[in-house]
Amino acid sequence: MSDRVTYWAIHELLTRLGFTWQKRDVERVIQPPKPKTCVVYRHASSGTTLSLPAKDDRPALAADVLSVRTHLVHRGLLDEDKFEEFVKEYSFASQT
């Protein structure tokens, strides 16, 4: 699942569901010491906050896809079937 969906596709899904977002630099404790940029998504009415790497068109890590799915399903923002449809629609396999 993770190598098929990009961070940009997740961004599009979250904004369609009413999330607002803001890019932020996060200080790293380990090397390299340069800040890492992430995107913080907030859904005001459900109180959901998600933080994802700002990697745009790169494939999303499995842990990030699972985290997004878990939060959306458990907060009642999207059911599991709709999330699976999203993954199929935005997968690299469907674009080739």
Protein backbone atom coordinates (compact mmCIF):
# COMPACT_ATOMS: atom_id res chain seq x y z
CA MET A 1 0.00 0.00 0.00
CA SER A 2 2.67 2.54 0.96
CA ASP A 3 4.57 2.57 -2.33
CA ARG A 4 1.42 3.30 -4.30
CA VAL A 5 0.09 6.50 -2.69
CA THR A 6 1.98 9.78 -2.64
CA TYR A 7 2.03 12.37 0.11
CA TRP A 8 0.40 14.76 -2.35
CA ALA A 9 -2.57 12.38 -2.81
CA ILE A 10 -2.94 12.18 0.99
CA HIS A 11 -2.77 15.99 1.14
CA GLU A 12 -5.59 16.23 -1.42
CA LEU A 13 -7.73 13.74 0.51
CA LEU A 14 -7.25 15.52 3.83
CA THR A 15 -8.05 18.96 2.40
CA ARG A 16 -11.20 17.56 0.72
CA LEU A 17 -12.26 16.26 4.15
CA GLY A 18 -11.94 19.74 5.66
CA PHE A 19 -8.46 19.63 7.17
CA THR A 20 -6.46 22.84 7.27
CA TRP A 21 -2.70 22.61 7.03
CA GLN A 22 0.52 24.44 7.79
CA LYS A 23 4.15 23.64 7.00
CA ARG A 24 6.51 23.65 9.96
CA ASP A 25 10.18 23.05 10.58
CA VAL A 26 10.89 20.42 13.22
CA GLU A 27 14.24 20.45 15.00
CA ARG A 28 16.14 17.18 14.86
CA VAL A 29 18.09 15.80 17.77
CA ILE A 30 20.08 13.41 15.58
CA GLN A 31 22.27 14.16 12.57
CA PRO A 32 21.89 16.00 10.29
CA PRO A 33 21.05 18.91 12.58
CA LYS A 34 19.20 20.87 9.88
CA PRO A 35 15.43 21.17 10.49
CA LYS A 36 13.06 18.75 8.79
CA THR A 37 9.91 20.19 7.23
CA CYS A 38 6.58 18.59 8.02
CA VAL A 39 2.97 19.45 7.35
CA VAL A 40 0.56 19.65 10.28
CA TYR A 41 -3.08 18.94 9.39
CA ARG A 42 -5.93 19.93 11.70
CA HIS A 43 -9.62 19.05 11.55
CA ALA A 44 -11.33 21.47 13.92
CA SER A 45 -14.70 19.77 14.40
CA SER A 46 -13.24 16.34 15.22
CA GLY A 47 -10.14 17.53 17.05
CA THR A 48 -7.91 15.44 14.77
CA THR A 49 -4.30 16.52 14.23
CA LEU A 50 -1.92 14.71 11.88
CA SER A 51 1.71 15.44 11.12
CA LEU A 52 3.28 14.14 7.90
CA PRO A 53 6.57 14.74 6.10
CA ALA A 54 6.49 17.43 3.43
CA LYS A 55 7.50 15.15 0.56
CA ASP A 56 4.82 16.03 -2.00
CA ASP A 57 5.06 13.56 -4.89
CA ARG A 58 7.13 10.90 -3.11
CA PRO A 59 5.53 7.60 -2.14
CA ALA A 60 4.14 7.69 1.39
CA LEU A 61 5.61 5.38 4.00
CA ALA A 62 3.37 2.48 5.08
CA ALA A 63 3.32 3.80 8.65
CA ASP A 64 2.06 7.20 7.47
CA VAL A 65 -0.68 5.70 5.29
CA LEU A 66 -1.78 3.44 8.15
CA SER A 67 -1.78 6.37 10.58
CA VAL A 68 -3.94 8.50 8.27
CA ARG A 69 -6.34 5.59 7.69
CA THR A 70 -6.60 4.84 11.42
CA HIS A 71 -7.31 8.44 12.38
CA LEU A 72 -9.86 9.00 9.61
CA VAL A 73 -11.75 5.76 10.30
CA HIS A 74 -11.73 5.99 14.11
CA ARG A 75 -12.79 9.65 14.08
CA GLY A 76 -15.65 8.86 11.71
CA LEU A 77 -14.35 11.10 8.93
CA LEU A 78 -14.11 8.34 6.32
CA ASP A 79 -15.11 4.67 6.35
CA GLU A 80 -12.65 1.88 5.55
CA ASP A 81 -14.17 1.11 2.16
CA LYS A 82 -13.86 4.73 1.04
CA PHE A 83 -10.24 4.80 2.16
CA GLU A 84 -9.51 1.64 0.16
CA GLU A 85 -11.19 3.24 -2.87
CA PHE A 86 -8.90 6.26 -2.40
CA VAL A 87 -5.83 3.99 -2.31
CA LYS A 88 -6.92 2.20 -5.49
CA GLU A 89 -7.74 5.45 -7.30
CA TYR A 90 -4.44 7.13 -6.42
CA SER A 91 -2.17 4.11 -6.71
CA PHE A 92 0.72 4.14 -9.14
CA ALA A 93 -0.60 0.89 -10.60
CA SER A 94 -3.84 2.59 -11.70
CA GLN A 95 -1.88 5.38 -13.39
CA THR A 96 0.14 3.09 -15.68
